Amino acid sequence: MQVIIQSIHFTARPDLDQHVTDKVNSLERFYDKIEQASVTLRVEPHNDGDKMCEIRLAVPGNDLFVKKHGDSFEEATNRCVDVLEEQIARMKTKAAQG
């Protein structure tokens, strides 16, 4: 899977890029047909958790998308990946039934 990370208005540290890549790549163990992951990281100072992460997974059919906030980019990324795991499970269940 190709992972594209975009940092808006800041330069991400290499360890942050590695954390995001590792977490997103871990989704392949749940669904091996993920073609691409587009990750956007941005600071939104008007929110309680001012770090925001968006992940769009390109999969056959409809893409999966999630957006979460956190006190750190790592926390926001972890929240996104947790939700995507649930979305993948629902998608696989729905596909098996239909």
Foldseek 3Di string as FASTA:
>chain_A
DAEAEAEPPDDDDPVLVVLLVVLVVVCCVLPVQFDYKYKYWYAQVVDPQRIKIKIWTDGPDDIDIDIAGHVDNSVNSNVRSVVVSVVSVVVVVVVVVD
